[in-house]
């Protein structure tokens, strides 16, 4: 990917984030560079997206707070596994969708 492509991607993400302000919407993104591709797993990618979505919420749902509290004793810090991160993302999507209707 060229530098020009990265600049365009960043601009698009910035515009989407600006558009989402005040619209009850979140924008989450993840970029995997070629040099660090092997360092990322599906769990770390979903966890990063979850962190971004939660950061855009006015209030963090208790279910998500509890999931991280349950992981507090982990040796590398609190981390959700793949299934937990996916479950939490789906929970936020469904809760937001139900709240809107």
Protein backbone atom coordinates (compact mmCIF):
# COMPACT_ATOMS: atom_id res chain seq x y z
CA UNK A 1 0.00 0.00 0.00
CA UNK A 2 1.43 3.35 -0.93
CA UNK A 3 1.65 6.35 1.35
CA UNK A 4 -0.95 8.07 -0.79
CA UNK A 5 -3.38 5.17 -0.17
CA UNK A 6 -2.78 5.41 3.59
CA UNK A 7 -3.47 9.15 3.51
CA UNK A 8 -6.73 8.56 1.63
CA UNK A 9 -7.81 5.85 4.08
CA UNK A 10 -7.07 8.13 7.03
CA UNK A 11 -9.04 10.96 5.44
CA UNK A 12 -12.05 8.71 4.85
CA UNK A 13 -11.96 7.46 8.44
CA UNK A 14 -11.68 11.03 9.76
CA UNK A 15 -14.67 12.11 7.67
CA UNK A 16 -16.75 9.15 8.79
CA UNK A 17 -15.92 9.84 12.44
CA UNK A 18 -16.84 13.50 12.01
CA UNK A 19 -20.12 12.50 10.33
CA UNK A 20 -20.97 10.08 13.18
CA UNK A 21 -20.80 12.75 15.91
CA UNK A 22 -24.28 13.35 17.28
CA UNK A 23 -25.86 10.65 15.08
CA UNK A 24 -25.80 7.75 17.53
CA UNK A 25 -23.23 6.05 15.32
CA UNK A 26 -19.74 4.68 15.83
CA UNK A 27 -16.87 4.29 13.42
CA UNK A 28 -14.28 1.62 14.15
CA UNK A 29 -11.34 0.72 11.99
CA UNK A 30 -8.34 -1.55 12.03
CA UNK A 31 -5.25 -1.40 9.84
CA UNK A 32 -2.82 -4.27 9.62
CA UNK A 33 0.56 -3.34 8.23
CA UNK A 34 2.47 -5.95 6.30
CA UNK A 35 5.37 -5.91 8.77
CA UNK A 36 3.13 -6.56 11.80
CA UNK A 37 0.50 -8.83 10.23
CA UNK A 38 1.65 -11.91 12.14
CA UNK A 39 1.30 -10.12 15.49
CA UNK A 40 -2.48 -9.82 15.11
CA UNK A 41 -5.06 -12.48 15.72
CA UNK A 42 -8.82 -12.39 15.15
CA UNK A 43 -9.23 -11.86 18.91
CA UNK A 44 -6.92 -8.81 19.01
CA UNK A 45 -8.62 -7.31 15.95
CA UNK A 46 -12.13 -7.74 17.38
CA UNK A 47 -10.96 -6.48 20.78
CA UNK A 48 -9.56 -3.35 19.13
CA UNK A 49 -12.82 -2.75 17.29
CA UNK A 50 -14.78 -3.35 20.50
CA UNK A 51 -12.62 -0.85 22.39
CA UNK A 52 -13.27 1.78 19.71
CA UNK A 53 -17.02 1.18 19.66
CA UNK A 54 -17.26 1.22 23.46
CA UNK A 55 -15.22 4.44 23.51
CA UNK A 56 -17.94 6.09 21.46
CA UNK A 57 -20.75 5.13 23.81
CA UNK A 58 -22.18 7.54 26.34
CA UNK A 59 -22.35 4.70 28.87
CA UNK A 60 -20.55 1.35 28.84
CA UNK A 61 -23.05 -1.50 29.22
CA UNK A 62 -22.74 -3.39 32.52
CA UNK A 63 -22.32 -6.68 30.64
CA UNK A 64 -19.12 -5.40 29.03
CA UNK A 65 -17.77 -3.94 32.26
CA UNK A 66 -18.36 -7.29 33.95
CA UNK A 67 -16.64 -9.23 31.15
CA UNK A 68 -13.49 -7.15 31.63
CA UNK A 69 -13.70 -7.41 35.43
CA UNK A 70 -13.84 -11.18 35.09
CA UNK A 71 -10.55 -11.03 33.13
CA UNK A 72 -8.82 -8.72 35.61
CA UNK A 73 -6.61 -11.48 37.09
CA UNK A 74 -5.08 -12.39 33.71
CA UNK A 75 -1.28 -12.20 33.66
CA UNK A 76 -1.15 -9.97 30.55
CA UNK A 77 -3.93 -7.69 31.67
CA UNK A 78 -7.63 -8.03 30.97
CA UNK A 79 -8.20 -9.45 27.48
CA UNK A 80 -11.25 -10.98 25.94
CA UNK A 81 -11.01 -14.09 23.85
CA UNK A 82 -12.34 -14.26 20.30
CA UNK A 83 -15.78 -15.55 21.26
CA UNK A 84 -16.14 -13.02 24.09
CA UNK A 85 -15.10 -10.07 21.90
CA UNK A 86 -17.52 -11.16 19.18
CA UNK A 87 -20.30 -11.64 21.73
CA UNK A 88 -19.73 -8.16 23.16
CA UNK A 89 -19.69 -6.52 19.69
CA UNK A 90 -22.93 -8.27 18.76
CA UNK A 91 -24.44 -7.27 22.10
CA UNK A 92 -23.66 -3.59 21.47
CA UNK A 93 -24.98 -3.74 17.91
CA UNK A 94 -28.22 -5.41 18.96
CA UNK A 95 -28.70 -3.21 22.03
CA UNK A 96 -28.13 -0.07 19.95
CA UNK A 97 -30.46 -1.31 17.22
CA UNK A 98 -33.22 -2.18 19.71
CA UNK A 99 -32.79 1.18 21.46
CA UNK A 100 -33.24 3.02 18.15
CA UNK A 101 -36.54 1.31 17.34
